N, C-alpha and C. Protein backbone atom coordinates (compact mmCIF):
# COMPACT_ATOMS: atom_id res chain seq x y z
N MET A 1 7.77 -3.71 29.33
CA MET A 1 8.52 -4.31 28.22
C MET A 1 7.92 -3.87 26.89
N LYS A 2 8.78 -3.48 25.93
CA LYS A 2 8.28 -3.00 24.65
C LYS A 2 7.67 -4.12 23.83
N ASN A 3 6.60 -3.79 23.14
CA ASN A 3 5.96 -4.75 22.23
C ASN A 3 6.81 -4.81 20.97
N LYS A 4 7.44 -5.97 20.72
CA LYS A 4 8.40 -6.07 19.62
C LYS A 4 7.75 -5.89 18.25
N ILE A 5 6.48 -6.30 18.12
CA ILE A 5 5.79 -6.13 16.83
C ILE A 5 5.56 -4.65 16.56
N VAL A 6 5.03 -3.94 17.57
CA VAL A 6 4.76 -2.50 17.43
C VAL A 6 6.05 -1.72 17.26
N PHE A 7 7.08 -2.07 18.05
CA PHE A 7 8.37 -1.37 17.98
C PHE A 7 8.98 -1.51 16.58
N THR A 8 8.97 -2.73 16.03
CA THR A 8 9.55 -2.96 14.71
C THR A 8 8.79 -2.18 13.64
N TYR A 9 7.46 -2.19 13.73
CA TYR A 9 6.64 -1.46 12.77
C TYR A 9 6.95 0.04 12.82
N ARG A 10 6.99 0.59 14.01
CA ARG A 10 7.24 2.03 14.16
C ARG A 10 8.65 2.40 13.72
N PHE A 11 9.60 1.48 13.92
CA PHE A 11 10.97 1.74 13.47
C PHE A 11 11.01 1.81 11.94
N ILE A 12 10.32 0.90 11.27
CA ILE A 12 10.26 0.91 9.80
C ILE A 12 9.64 2.21 9.31
N ILE A 13 8.55 2.64 9.94
CA ILE A 13 7.88 3.89 9.57
C ILE A 13 8.81 5.08 9.76
N LEU A 14 9.52 5.10 10.90
CA LEU A 14 10.44 6.19 11.19
C LEU A 14 11.54 6.30 10.13
N VAL A 15 12.14 5.16 9.78
CA VAL A 15 13.19 5.14 8.76
C VAL A 15 12.63 5.63 7.42
N TYR A 16 11.41 5.21 7.11
CA TYR A 16 10.75 5.61 5.85
C TYR A 16 10.58 7.14 5.79
N TYR A 17 10.08 7.73 6.88
CA TYR A 17 9.86 9.18 6.89
C TYR A 17 11.18 9.95 6.88
N LEU A 18 12.17 9.46 7.60
CA LEU A 18 13.47 10.13 7.61
C LEU A 18 14.12 10.10 6.23
N LEU A 19 14.01 8.97 5.56
CA LEU A 19 14.56 8.83 4.20
C LEU A 19 13.84 9.77 3.23
N ALA A 20 12.52 9.85 3.36
CA ALA A 20 11.74 10.74 2.49
C ALA A 20 12.11 12.20 2.74
N PHE A 21 12.27 12.55 4.02
CA PHE A 21 12.63 13.93 4.37
C PHE A 21 14.03 14.27 3.83
N LEU A 22 14.97 13.32 3.97
CA LEU A 22 16.34 13.54 3.49
C LEU A 22 16.38 13.76 1.98
N ILE A 23 15.63 12.96 1.25
CA ILE A 23 15.58 13.09 -0.21
C ILE A 23 14.97 14.44 -0.61
N ALA A 24 13.91 14.83 0.11
CA ALA A 24 13.26 16.12 -0.19
C ALA A 24 14.21 17.28 0.04
N VAL A 25 14.99 17.24 1.14
CA VAL A 25 15.93 18.32 1.46
C VAL A 25 17.07 18.37 0.45
N MET A 26 17.60 17.20 0.08
CA MET A 26 18.74 17.14 -0.83
C MET A 26 18.38 17.52 -2.27
N ASN A 27 17.09 17.41 -2.60
CA ASN A 27 16.68 17.69 -3.97
C ASN A 27 15.59 18.76 -4.01
N VAL A 28 15.71 19.72 -3.08
CA VAL A 28 14.67 20.74 -2.95
C VAL A 28 14.47 21.55 -4.24
N ASP A 29 15.51 21.69 -5.05
CA ASP A 29 15.41 22.47 -6.29
C ASP A 29 15.14 21.59 -7.51
N HIS A 30 14.93 20.30 -7.30
CA HIS A 30 14.71 19.38 -8.42
C HIS A 30 13.45 18.56 -8.16
N LEU A 31 12.32 19.16 -8.47
CA LEU A 31 11.02 18.54 -8.16
C LEU A 31 10.86 17.19 -8.85
N GLU A 32 11.36 17.11 -10.11
CA GLU A 32 11.20 15.85 -10.86
C GLU A 32 11.95 14.70 -10.18
N ARG A 33 13.11 14.99 -9.59
CA ARG A 33 13.87 13.97 -8.87
C ARG A 33 13.11 13.50 -7.61
N VAL A 34 12.55 14.48 -6.92
CA VAL A 34 11.78 14.16 -5.70
C VAL A 34 10.64 13.21 -6.03
N VAL A 35 9.94 13.47 -7.14
CA VAL A 35 8.82 12.62 -7.54
C VAL A 35 9.29 11.20 -7.86
N ILE A 36 10.38 11.11 -8.62
CA ILE A 36 10.93 9.79 -9.00
C ILE A 36 11.37 9.01 -7.76
N TYR A 37 12.14 9.70 -6.89
CA TYR A 37 12.62 9.03 -5.68
C TYR A 37 11.47 8.64 -4.76
N ALA A 38 10.43 9.49 -4.73
CA ALA A 38 9.27 9.20 -3.88
C ALA A 38 8.57 7.92 -4.35
N LEU A 39 8.45 7.76 -5.67
CA LEU A 39 7.84 6.55 -6.23
C LEU A 39 8.67 5.30 -5.89
N ILE A 40 10.00 5.46 -5.97
CA ILE A 40 10.90 4.34 -5.63
C ILE A 40 10.74 3.96 -4.16
N ILE A 41 10.69 4.98 -3.29
CA ILE A 41 10.54 4.74 -1.85
C ILE A 41 9.22 4.03 -1.55
N ILE A 42 8.15 4.45 -2.24
CA ILE A 42 6.84 3.82 -2.02
C ILE A 42 6.88 2.34 -2.37
N VAL A 43 7.52 2.02 -3.50
CA VAL A 43 7.64 0.61 -3.91
C VAL A 43 8.47 -0.17 -2.89
N LEU A 44 9.60 0.42 -2.48
CA LEU A 44 10.46 -0.24 -1.49
C LEU A 44 9.74 -0.42 -0.16
N PHE A 45 8.97 0.58 0.21
CA PHE A 45 8.21 0.51 1.47
C PHE A 45 7.22 -0.65 1.44
N GLY A 46 6.55 -0.80 0.30
CA GLY A 46 5.59 -1.90 0.15
C GLY A 46 6.29 -3.26 0.28
N MET A 47 7.47 -3.37 -0.31
CA MET A 47 8.23 -4.62 -0.25
C MET A 47 8.68 -4.91 1.19
N VAL A 48 9.15 -3.88 1.87
CA VAL A 48 9.60 -4.05 3.26
C VAL A 48 8.43 -4.47 4.15
N MET A 49 7.26 -3.87 3.94
CA MET A 49 6.09 -4.21 4.74
C MET A 49 5.64 -5.65 4.49
N ARG A 50 5.77 -6.09 3.26
CA ARG A 50 5.40 -7.48 2.94
C ARG A 50 6.34 -8.45 3.66
N ILE A 51 7.64 -8.13 3.64
CA ILE A 51 8.62 -8.97 4.35
C ILE A 51 8.34 -8.94 5.85
N TYR A 52 7.99 -7.76 6.35
CA TYR A 52 7.69 -7.61 7.79
C TYR A 52 6.50 -8.48 8.18
N ILE A 53 5.44 -8.47 7.38
CA ILE A 53 4.25 -9.27 7.66
C ILE A 53 4.61 -10.76 7.70
N MET A 54 5.43 -11.18 6.74
CA MET A 54 5.82 -12.59 6.67
C MET A 54 6.64 -13.01 7.89
N ASN A 55 7.33 -12.05 8.52
CA ASN A 55 8.20 -12.37 9.65
C ASN A 55 7.55 -12.13 11.01
N ILE A 56 6.29 -11.68 11.03
CA ILE A 56 5.60 -11.47 12.31
C ILE A 56 5.56 -12.76 13.14
N PRO A 57 5.20 -13.92 12.53
CA PRO A 57 5.21 -15.16 13.34
C PRO A 57 6.57 -15.46 13.95
N LYS A 58 7.66 -15.15 13.23
CA LYS A 58 9.00 -15.40 13.78
C LYS A 58 9.28 -14.46 14.96
N LEU A 59 8.83 -13.22 14.85
CA LEU A 59 8.98 -12.28 15.96
C LEU A 59 8.25 -12.80 17.19
N LEU A 60 7.06 -13.35 16.95
CA LEU A 60 6.25 -13.87 18.05
C LEU A 60 6.87 -15.10 18.68
N LEU A 61 7.25 -16.05 17.83
CA LEU A 61 7.66 -17.35 18.34
C LEU A 61 9.09 -17.38 18.86
N SER A 62 9.75 -16.22 18.86
CA SER A 62 11.01 -16.15 19.59
C SER A 62 10.70 -16.28 21.08
N ASN A 63 9.44 -15.97 21.42
CA ASN A 63 8.92 -16.24 22.76
C ASN A 63 7.82 -17.28 22.60
N LYS A 64 8.04 -18.48 23.11
CA LYS A 64 7.13 -19.58 22.85
C LYS A 64 5.93 -19.62 23.79
N TYR A 65 5.85 -18.70 24.75
CA TYR A 65 4.73 -18.73 25.68
C TYR A 65 3.49 -18.14 25.03
N ILE A 66 2.49 -18.99 24.82
CA ILE A 66 1.30 -18.56 24.08
C ILE A 66 0.57 -17.44 24.81
N GLU A 67 0.50 -17.50 26.13
CA GLU A 67 -0.19 -16.46 26.90
C GLU A 67 0.41 -15.08 26.63
N LYS A 68 1.74 -15.01 26.63
CA LYS A 68 2.41 -13.72 26.38
C LYS A 68 2.21 -13.30 24.92
N ASN A 69 2.23 -14.28 24.03
CA ASN A 69 2.02 -13.96 22.62
C ASN A 69 0.63 -13.39 22.38
N LEU A 70 -0.37 -13.93 23.09
CA LEU A 70 -1.74 -13.42 22.96
C LEU A 70 -1.81 -11.94 23.30
N SER A 71 -1.23 -11.56 24.43
CA SER A 71 -1.27 -10.16 24.85
C SER A 71 -0.45 -9.28 23.91
N THR A 72 0.66 -9.83 23.40
CA THR A 72 1.51 -9.07 22.46
C THR A 72 0.75 -8.76 21.17
N VAL A 73 0.08 -9.79 20.62
CA VAL A 73 -0.65 -9.60 19.36
C VAL A 73 -1.85 -8.68 19.56
N LYS A 74 -2.57 -8.85 20.69
CA LYS A 74 -3.75 -8.01 20.93
C LYS A 74 -3.35 -6.54 21.04
N GLU A 75 -2.26 -6.27 21.72
CA GLU A 75 -1.77 -4.89 21.85
C GLU A 75 -1.37 -4.34 20.49
N ALA A 76 -0.73 -5.18 19.67
CA ALA A 76 -0.31 -4.74 18.33
C ALA A 76 -1.53 -4.44 17.45
N ILE A 77 -2.57 -5.26 17.56
CA ILE A 77 -3.81 -5.02 16.80
C ILE A 77 -4.40 -3.66 17.16
N ASP A 78 -4.37 -3.33 18.44
CA ASP A 78 -4.94 -2.06 18.91
C ASP A 78 -4.11 -0.85 18.49
N LYS A 79 -2.79 -1.06 18.31
CA LYS A 79 -1.90 0.08 18.06
C LYS A 79 -1.51 0.26 16.59
N ILE A 80 -1.57 -0.82 15.80
CA ILE A 80 -1.17 -0.72 14.38
C ILE A 80 -2.42 -0.68 13.51
N HIS A 81 -2.53 0.34 12.69
CA HIS A 81 -3.74 0.54 11.89
C HIS A 81 -3.51 0.33 10.39
N ASN A 82 -2.34 -0.18 10.03
CA ASN A 82 -2.10 -0.57 8.64
C ASN A 82 -2.95 -1.79 8.33
N LYS A 83 -3.79 -1.72 7.30
CA LYS A 83 -4.78 -2.77 7.03
C LYS A 83 -4.16 -4.15 6.83
N SER A 84 -3.14 -4.24 5.97
CA SER A 84 -2.53 -5.54 5.68
C SER A 84 -1.93 -6.17 6.93
N ILE A 85 -1.23 -5.34 7.71
CA ILE A 85 -0.61 -5.85 8.93
C ILE A 85 -1.67 -6.23 9.94
N ASN A 86 -2.70 -5.40 10.07
CA ASN A 86 -3.77 -5.66 11.03
C ASN A 86 -4.51 -6.94 10.69
N ASP A 87 -4.73 -7.18 9.40
CA ASP A 87 -5.39 -8.43 8.97
C ASP A 87 -4.55 -9.64 9.36
N SER A 88 -3.24 -9.53 9.13
CA SER A 88 -2.34 -10.63 9.47
C SER A 88 -2.32 -10.88 10.98
N LEU A 89 -2.26 -9.81 11.76
CA LEU A 89 -2.26 -9.92 13.22
C LEU A 89 -3.56 -10.53 13.73
N THR A 90 -4.68 -10.13 13.14
CA THR A 90 -5.98 -10.67 13.54
C THR A 90 -6.04 -12.17 13.30
N THR A 91 -5.53 -12.59 12.15
CA THR A 91 -5.49 -14.03 11.82
C THR A 91 -4.66 -14.80 12.85
N ILE A 92 -3.49 -14.28 13.17
CA ILE A 92 -2.61 -14.93 14.15
C ILE A 92 -3.28 -14.98 15.52
N TYR A 93 -3.94 -13.88 15.89
CA TYR A 93 -4.60 -13.82 17.21
C TYR A 93 -5.70 -14.87 17.32
N VAL A 94 -6.48 -15.03 16.26
CA VAL A 94 -7.54 -16.05 16.26
C VAL A 94 -6.94 -17.45 16.39
N PHE A 95 -5.84 -17.71 15.68
CA PHE A 95 -5.17 -19.01 15.79
C PHE A 95 -4.69 -19.25 17.23
N LEU A 96 -4.10 -18.23 17.85
CA LEU A 96 -3.60 -18.39 19.20
C LEU A 96 -4.73 -18.64 20.20
N LEU A 97 -5.87 -17.97 20.01
CA LEU A 97 -7.03 -18.23 20.87
C LEU A 97 -7.51 -19.66 20.70
N GLU A 98 -7.49 -20.14 19.46
CA GLU A 98 -7.91 -21.51 19.16
C GLU A 98 -6.99 -22.52 19.84
N ILE A 99 -5.69 -22.32 19.69
CA ILE A 99 -4.71 -23.23 20.28
C ILE A 99 -4.83 -23.25 21.80
N SER A 100 -5.11 -22.07 22.39
CA SER A 100 -5.22 -21.95 23.84
C SER A 100 -6.54 -22.48 24.38
N ASN A 101 -7.44 -22.85 23.46
CA ASN A 101 -8.76 -23.37 23.84
C ASN A 101 -9.60 -22.34 24.58
N TYR A 102 -9.42 -21.06 24.22
CA TYR A 102 -10.24 -19.99 24.79
C TYR A 102 -11.50 -19.84 23.93
N LYS A 103 -12.43 -20.75 24.11
CA LYS A 103 -13.57 -20.83 23.20
C LYS A 103 -14.44 -19.58 23.23
N GLU A 104 -14.72 -19.10 24.43
CA GLU A 104 -15.59 -17.92 24.53
C GLU A 104 -14.92 -16.69 23.96
N GLU A 105 -13.63 -16.48 24.31
CA GLU A 105 -12.91 -15.32 23.79
C GLU A 105 -12.77 -15.42 22.27
N TYR A 106 -12.53 -16.64 21.80
CA TYR A 106 -12.41 -16.88 20.36
C TYR A 106 -13.69 -16.46 19.63
N GLN A 107 -14.81 -16.97 20.11
CA GLN A 107 -16.09 -16.69 19.44
C GLN A 107 -16.43 -15.21 19.50
N ASN A 108 -16.21 -14.60 20.66
CA ASN A 108 -16.51 -13.17 20.81
C ASN A 108 -15.66 -12.33 19.87
N PHE A 109 -14.37 -12.67 19.77
CA PHE A 109 -13.47 -11.88 18.92
C PHE A 109 -13.85 -11.99 17.45
N VAL A 110 -14.14 -13.22 17.01
CA VAL A 110 -14.54 -13.41 15.60
C VAL A 110 -15.83 -12.67 15.31
N GLU A 111 -16.79 -12.75 16.22
CA GLU A 111 -18.08 -12.08 15.99
C GLU A 111 -17.94 -10.57 16.03
N GLN A 112 -17.04 -10.06 16.87
CA GLN A 112 -16.79 -8.62 16.90
C GLN A 112 -16.19 -8.12 15.58
N ASN A 113 -15.45 -9.00 14.92
CA ASN A 113 -14.81 -8.65 13.64
C ASN A 113 -15.49 -9.32 12.45
N SER A 114 -16.73 -9.73 12.64
CA SER A 114 -17.44 -10.51 11.62
C SER A 114 -17.63 -9.73 10.31
N LYS A 115 -17.83 -8.43 10.42
CA LYS A 115 -18.04 -7.63 9.21
C LYS A 115 -16.83 -7.70 8.29
N ARG A 116 -15.64 -7.70 8.90
CA ARG A 116 -14.41 -7.76 8.12
C ARG A 116 -14.11 -9.19 7.69
N ILE A 117 -14.24 -10.14 8.60
CA ILE A 117 -13.86 -11.53 8.32
C ILE A 117 -14.79 -12.19 7.31
N PHE A 118 -16.10 -11.93 7.42
CA PHE A 118 -17.07 -12.63 6.58
C PHE A 118 -17.47 -11.85 5.33
N ASP A 119 -16.76 -10.76 5.06
CA ASP A 119 -16.99 -10.00 3.84
C ASP A 119 -16.53 -10.84 2.64
N GLU A 120 -17.43 -11.13 1.71
CA GLU A 120 -17.11 -11.99 0.57
C GLU A 120 -15.99 -11.42 -0.30
N LYS A 121 -15.84 -10.09 -0.29
CA LYS A 121 -14.81 -9.47 -1.12
C LYS A 121 -13.41 -9.81 -0.60
N GLN A 122 -13.32 -10.23 0.67
CA GLN A 122 -12.03 -10.57 1.25
C GLN A 122 -11.95 -12.08 1.49
N ASN A 123 -12.65 -12.83 0.68
CA ASN A 123 -12.80 -14.27 0.90
C ASN A 123 -11.47 -15.00 1.02
N LYS A 124 -10.51 -14.67 0.17
CA LYS A 124 -9.25 -15.42 0.13
C LYS A 124 -8.48 -15.28 1.44
N HIS A 125 -8.32 -14.05 1.93
CA HIS A 125 -7.53 -13.84 3.13
C HIS A 125 -8.17 -14.49 4.36
N TRP A 126 -9.48 -14.35 4.48
CA TRP A 126 -10.16 -14.81 5.69
C TRP A 126 -10.73 -16.22 5.58
N TYR A 127 -10.38 -16.90 4.50
CA TYR A 127 -10.93 -18.23 4.25
C TYR A 127 -10.67 -19.19 5.42
N THR A 128 -9.42 -19.18 5.92
CA THR A 128 -9.06 -20.07 7.02
C THR A 128 -9.93 -19.80 8.25
N ILE A 129 -10.07 -18.53 8.61
CA ILE A 129 -10.80 -18.17 9.82
C ILE A 129 -12.27 -18.53 9.70
N LYS A 130 -12.85 -18.31 8.52
CA LYS A 130 -14.27 -18.63 8.34
C LYS A 130 -14.51 -20.13 8.46
N LEU A 131 -13.62 -20.92 7.85
CA LEU A 131 -13.74 -22.37 7.98
C LEU A 131 -13.56 -22.79 9.44
N GLN A 132 -12.56 -22.20 10.07
CA GLN A 132 -12.28 -22.51 11.48
C GLN A 132 -13.49 -22.20 12.36
N TYR A 133 -14.13 -21.08 12.10
CA TYR A 133 -15.28 -20.64 12.90
C TYR A 133 -16.42 -21.66 12.81
N TYR A 134 -16.77 -22.05 11.59
CA TYR A 134 -17.85 -23.03 11.42
C TYR A 134 -17.45 -24.40 11.97
N TYR A 135 -16.18 -24.71 11.84
CA TYR A 135 -15.68 -25.99 12.37
C TYR A 135 -15.86 -26.03 13.89
N ASN A 136 -15.47 -24.96 14.57
CA ASN A 136 -15.55 -24.91 16.03
C ASN A 136 -16.99 -24.92 16.54
N LEU A 137 -17.90 -24.38 15.76
CA LEU A 137 -19.31 -24.36 16.17
C LEU A 137 -20.04 -25.64 15.76
N ASN A 138 -19.29 -26.58 15.18
CA ASN A 138 -19.88 -27.85 14.71
C ASN A 138 -20.99 -27.63 13.68
N LYS A 139 -20.83 -26.55 12.90
CA LYS A 139 -21.81 -26.28 11.83
C LYS A 139 -21.28 -26.90 10.54
N LYS A 140 -21.44 -28.20 10.45
CA LYS A 140 -20.86 -28.94 9.34
C LYS A 140 -21.41 -28.48 8.00
N ASP A 141 -22.72 -28.23 7.92
CA ASP A 141 -23.33 -27.82 6.65
C ASP A 141 -22.76 -26.48 6.18
N GLU A 142 -22.62 -25.54 7.11
CA GLU A 142 -22.07 -24.23 6.75
C GLU A 142 -20.62 -24.37 6.31
N TYR A 143 -19.89 -25.23 7.00
CA TYR A 143 -18.48 -25.45 6.65
C TYR A 143 -18.36 -26.03 5.25
N LEU A 144 -19.14 -27.07 4.97
CA LEU A 144 -19.04 -27.73 3.67
C LEU A 144 -19.53 -26.82 2.54
N LYS A 145 -20.46 -25.91 2.87
CA LYS A 145 -20.94 -24.95 1.87
C LYS A 145 -19.82 -23.98 1.49
N LEU A 146 -18.98 -23.66 2.47
CA LEU A 146 -17.90 -22.70 2.26
C LEU A 146 -16.65 -23.36 1.68
N TYR A 147 -16.47 -24.63 2.00
CA TYR A 147 -15.25 -25.34 1.58
C TYR A 147 -15.15 -25.42 0.06
N ASP A 148 -14.02 -25.01 -0.46
CA ASP A 148 -13.79 -24.98 -1.90
C ASP A 148 -12.37 -25.50 -2.17
N SER A 149 -12.26 -26.70 -2.70
CA SER A 149 -10.94 -27.30 -2.92
C SER A 149 -10.09 -26.49 -3.89
N GLN A 150 -10.75 -25.81 -4.84
CA GLN A 150 -10.01 -24.97 -5.78
C GLN A 150 -9.38 -23.78 -5.07
N LEU A 151 -10.13 -23.21 -4.12
CA LEU A 151 -9.59 -22.09 -3.35
C LEU A 151 -8.48 -22.58 -2.42
N ASP A 152 -8.63 -23.80 -1.92
CA ASP A 152 -7.57 -24.39 -1.09
C ASP A 152 -6.25 -24.38 -1.84
N ASN A 153 -6.29 -24.77 -3.11
CA ASN A 153 -5.08 -24.85 -3.91
C ASN A 153 -4.45 -23.47 -4.12
N LYS A 154 -5.30 -22.44 -4.20
CA LYS A 154 -4.80 -21.08 -4.39
C LYS A 154 -4.16 -20.55 -3.11
N VAL A 155 -4.81 -20.80 -1.99
CA VAL A 155 -4.30 -20.30 -0.71
C VAL A 155 -3.18 -21.18 -0.19
N LYS A 156 -3.21 -22.45 -0.60
CA LYS A 156 -2.16 -23.42 -0.26
C LYS A 156 -1.97 -23.57 1.25
N ASN A 157 -3.06 -23.84 1.94
CA ASN A 157 -3.00 -24.06 3.38
C ASN A 157 -3.64 -25.40 3.70
N PRO A 158 -2.84 -26.41 4.10
CA PRO A 158 -3.37 -27.75 4.35
C PRO A 158 -4.31 -27.81 5.54
N LEU A 159 -4.37 -26.76 6.37
CA LEU A 159 -5.28 -26.77 7.52
C LEU A 159 -6.73 -26.95 7.08
N PHE A 160 -7.08 -26.36 5.91
CA PHE A 160 -8.45 -26.49 5.41
C PHE A 160 -8.81 -27.95 5.21
N LYS A 161 -7.91 -28.65 4.54
CA LYS A 161 -8.14 -30.05 4.21
C LYS A 161 -8.21 -30.91 5.47
N ILE A 162 -7.34 -30.60 6.44
CA ILE A 162 -7.35 -31.35 7.70
C ILE A 162 -8.69 -31.18 8.41
N MET A 163 -9.17 -29.94 8.51
CA MET A 163 -10.46 -29.69 9.15
C MET A 163 -11.59 -30.39 8.41
N TYR A 164 -11.52 -30.33 7.09
CA TYR A 164 -12.53 -30.98 6.25
C TYR A 164 -12.57 -32.50 6.53
N LEU A 165 -11.41 -33.12 6.59
CA LEU A 165 -11.34 -34.56 6.83
C LEU A 165 -11.83 -34.92 8.24
N ILE A 166 -11.50 -34.08 9.23
CA ILE A 166 -11.97 -34.34 10.59
C ILE A 166 -13.48 -34.25 10.67
N LEU A 167 -14.05 -33.24 10.01
CA LEU A 167 -15.52 -33.09 10.00
C LEU A 167 -16.20 -34.30 9.37
N ASN A 168 -15.53 -34.89 8.39
CA ASN A 168 -16.09 -36.07 7.73
C ASN A 168 -15.61 -37.37 8.39
N GLU A 169 -15.00 -37.22 9.59
CA GLU A 169 -14.56 -38.36 10.40
C GLU A 169 -13.57 -39.26 9.66
N GLU A 170 -12.79 -38.66 8.79
CA GLU A 170 -11.73 -39.39 8.10
C GLU A 170 -10.41 -39.09 8.84
N PHE A 171 -10.35 -39.64 10.05
CA PHE A 171 -9.27 -39.26 10.97
C PHE A 171 -7.90 -39.77 10.55
N GLU A 172 -7.84 -40.95 9.95
CA GLU A 172 -6.56 -41.51 9.52
C GLU A 172 -5.91 -40.61 8.48
N GLU A 173 -6.70 -40.20 7.49
CA GLU A 173 -6.16 -39.34 6.42
C GLU A 173 -5.79 -37.97 6.97
N ALA A 174 -6.63 -37.44 7.87
CA ALA A 174 -6.34 -36.14 8.49
C ALA A 174 -5.05 -36.21 9.30
N LEU A 175 -4.85 -37.34 9.99
CA LEU A 175 -3.65 -37.53 10.79
C LEU A 175 -2.40 -37.52 9.92
N GLU A 176 -2.44 -38.24 8.81
CA GLU A 176 -1.29 -38.29 7.92
C GLU A 176 -0.96 -36.91 7.36
N LEU A 177 -2.00 -36.15 7.03
CA LEU A 177 -1.78 -34.80 6.49
C LEU A 177 -1.19 -33.88 7.56
N SER A 178 -1.62 -34.06 8.79
CA SER A 178 -1.12 -33.21 9.88
C SER A 178 0.34 -33.48 10.19
N LYS A 179 0.85 -34.65 9.79
CA LYS A 179 2.24 -35.01 10.06
C LYS A 179 3.21 -34.42 9.04
N LYS A 180 2.67 -33.80 8.00
CA LYS A 180 3.54 -33.25 6.95
C LYS A 180 4.11 -31.90 7.38
N VAL A 181 4.76 -31.91 8.53
CA VAL A 181 5.44 -30.72 9.03
C VAL A 181 6.52 -31.22 9.98
N THR A 182 7.68 -30.60 9.97
CA THR A 182 8.77 -31.04 10.82
C THR A 182 8.89 -30.14 12.05
N SER A 183 9.60 -30.61 13.03
CA SER A 183 9.76 -29.84 14.26
C SER A 183 10.58 -28.57 14.02
N GLN A 184 11.29 -28.51 12.88
CA GLN A 184 12.05 -27.29 12.57
C GLN A 184 11.14 -26.17 12.07
N GLN A 185 9.93 -26.53 11.64
CA GLN A 185 9.00 -25.53 11.11
C GLN A 185 8.09 -25.01 12.22
N LYS A 186 8.70 -24.47 13.26
CA LYS A 186 7.90 -24.06 14.42
C LYS A 186 7.32 -22.67 14.21
N ASP A 187 6.22 -22.65 13.46
CA ASP A 187 5.49 -21.41 13.26
C ASP A 187 4.04 -21.65 13.66
N ILE A 188 3.16 -20.69 13.35
CA ILE A 188 1.75 -20.82 13.72
C ILE A 188 1.14 -22.06 13.07
N GLY A 189 1.49 -22.31 11.80
CA GLY A 189 0.95 -23.47 11.09
C GLY A 189 1.36 -24.77 11.76
N TYR A 190 2.60 -24.82 12.24
CA TYR A 190 3.09 -26.02 12.93
C TYR A 190 2.26 -26.30 14.18
N ILE A 191 1.97 -25.26 14.97
CA ILE A 191 1.20 -25.45 16.21
C ILE A 191 -0.22 -25.90 15.88
N MET A 192 -0.81 -25.30 14.84
CA MET A 192 -2.17 -25.67 14.47
C MET A 192 -2.25 -27.12 14.00
N LYS A 193 -1.26 -27.56 13.22
CA LYS A 193 -1.25 -28.96 12.77
C LYS A 193 -1.07 -29.92 13.94
N LEU A 194 -0.26 -29.51 14.90
CA LEU A 194 -0.06 -30.32 16.10
C LEU A 194 -1.37 -30.42 16.88
N TYR A 195 -2.07 -29.33 16.95
CA TYR A 195 -3.37 -29.28 17.64
C TYR A 195 -4.38 -30.24 16.99
N TYR A 196 -4.45 -30.23 15.67
CA TYR A 196 -5.39 -31.11 14.97
C TYR A 196 -4.94 -32.57 15.02
N ARG A 197 -3.61 -32.77 15.08
CA ARG A 197 -3.10 -34.13 15.20
C ARG A 197 -3.58 -34.76 16.51
N ILE A 198 -3.59 -33.96 17.57
CA ILE A 198 -4.06 -34.44 18.87
C ILE A 198 -5.53 -34.85 18.78
N ILE A 199 -6.34 -34.05 18.09
CA ILE A 199 -7.77 -34.38 17.92
C ILE A 199 -7.92 -35.72 17.20
N CYS A 200 -7.14 -35.92 16.13
CA CYS A 200 -7.22 -37.18 15.36
C CYS A 200 -6.81 -38.37 16.22
N LEU A 201 -5.72 -38.22 16.96
CA LEU A 201 -5.21 -39.31 17.78
C LEU A 201 -6.19 -39.68 18.90
N GLU A 202 -6.89 -38.67 19.42
CA GLU A 202 -7.91 -38.94 20.44
C GLU A 202 -9.03 -39.80 19.87
N HIS A 203 -9.50 -39.44 18.67
CA HIS A 203 -10.57 -40.20 18.04
C HIS A 203 -10.13 -41.61 17.65
N LEU A 204 -8.88 -41.73 17.24
CA LEU A 204 -8.36 -43.03 16.81
C LEU A 204 -7.86 -43.87 18.00
N GLU A 205 -7.88 -43.25 19.20
CA GLU A 205 -7.48 -43.94 20.43
C GLU A 205 -6.05 -44.51 20.32
N LYS A 206 -5.17 -43.72 19.72
CA LYS A 206 -3.76 -44.12 19.64
C LYS A 206 -3.03 -43.48 20.81
N GLU A 207 -3.07 -44.16 21.93
CA GLU A 207 -2.64 -43.57 23.20
C GLU A 207 -1.17 -43.18 23.21
N ASN A 208 -0.29 -44.04 22.71
CA ASN A 208 1.15 -43.75 22.76
C ASN A 208 1.50 -42.52 21.92
N GLU A 209 0.98 -42.50 20.68
CA GLU A 209 1.23 -41.35 19.81
C GLU A 209 0.61 -40.08 20.39
N LEU A 210 -0.57 -40.24 21.00
CA LEU A 210 -1.26 -39.09 21.59
C LEU A 210 -0.42 -38.48 22.71
N ASN A 211 0.14 -39.33 23.57
CA ASN A 211 0.97 -38.84 24.67
C ASN A 211 2.21 -38.13 24.14
N ASP A 212 2.82 -38.70 23.10
CA ASP A 212 4.00 -38.07 22.49
C ASP A 212 3.66 -36.70 21.92
N CYS A 213 2.50 -36.63 21.27
CA CYS A 213 2.07 -35.38 20.64
C CYS A 213 1.75 -34.31 21.69
N ILE A 214 1.10 -34.73 22.77
CA ILE A 214 0.79 -33.79 23.86
C ILE A 214 2.08 -33.29 24.49
N ASN A 215 3.03 -34.20 24.67
CA ASN A 215 4.33 -33.80 25.24
C ASN A 215 5.04 -32.80 24.33
N GLU A 216 4.92 -33.01 23.02
CA GLU A 216 5.54 -32.08 22.06
C GLU A 216 4.90 -30.70 22.15
N MET A 217 3.58 -30.68 22.32
CA MET A 217 2.88 -29.40 22.47
C MET A 217 3.29 -28.71 23.77
N VAL A 218 3.37 -29.49 24.85
CA VAL A 218 3.78 -28.93 26.15
C VAL A 218 5.21 -28.41 26.10
N GLU A 219 6.09 -29.20 25.45
CA GLU A 219 7.49 -28.80 25.33
C GLU A 219 7.63 -27.49 24.55
N PHE A 220 6.82 -27.36 23.50
CA PHE A 220 6.88 -26.14 22.69
C PHE A 220 6.46 -24.91 23.49
N ASN A 221 5.52 -25.11 24.44
CA ASN A 221 4.98 -23.96 25.18
C ASN A 221 5.51 -23.90 26.60
N ASP A 222 6.62 -24.59 26.90
CA ASP A 222 7.14 -24.62 28.26
C ASP A 222 8.62 -24.25 28.25
């Protein structure tokens, strides 16, 4: 079965090269036109790639089986070498490992990519993963040292705040924040919030809500 992420990426690249070749052939005697059109194509290509990155989770979640999604993303990481796309795929793969509770695979993968993930120059993109890593290792001091509410506002990801509240055992507040997502928003963020909601409900011993939440997670992946 074709990897839909890799197939879509290669299709976009193919269209890009064919369009560039067509413009070059049609304007072979007009170098200035080729240059102008080439610049336009480069800008359009960047826009298309940005849209493609944003839609990767939708491509994945058309198949709700996390196990299959894991293998799909890992194969795409190995085959796609575009930095922006690869960074996005790596982030999604780490989230999927976390949701699947593959603790050893999760830790090994993050450590294998530690040079890229923990590089301070890329702090904004990898902020979630770095916080997640310290959270999972129960390194509260390291987590709190890294946690920056101002950066949270820039990245606009409530997962940071939820993890922060759980580490500080403020489970009620973390639970309320985790509920700020609807069942229609079934993306990676939705699954992660559901995962943390289960953790909060376990600590708060809210058995009925916990069972409902577990059933929702099972239903999403079944």
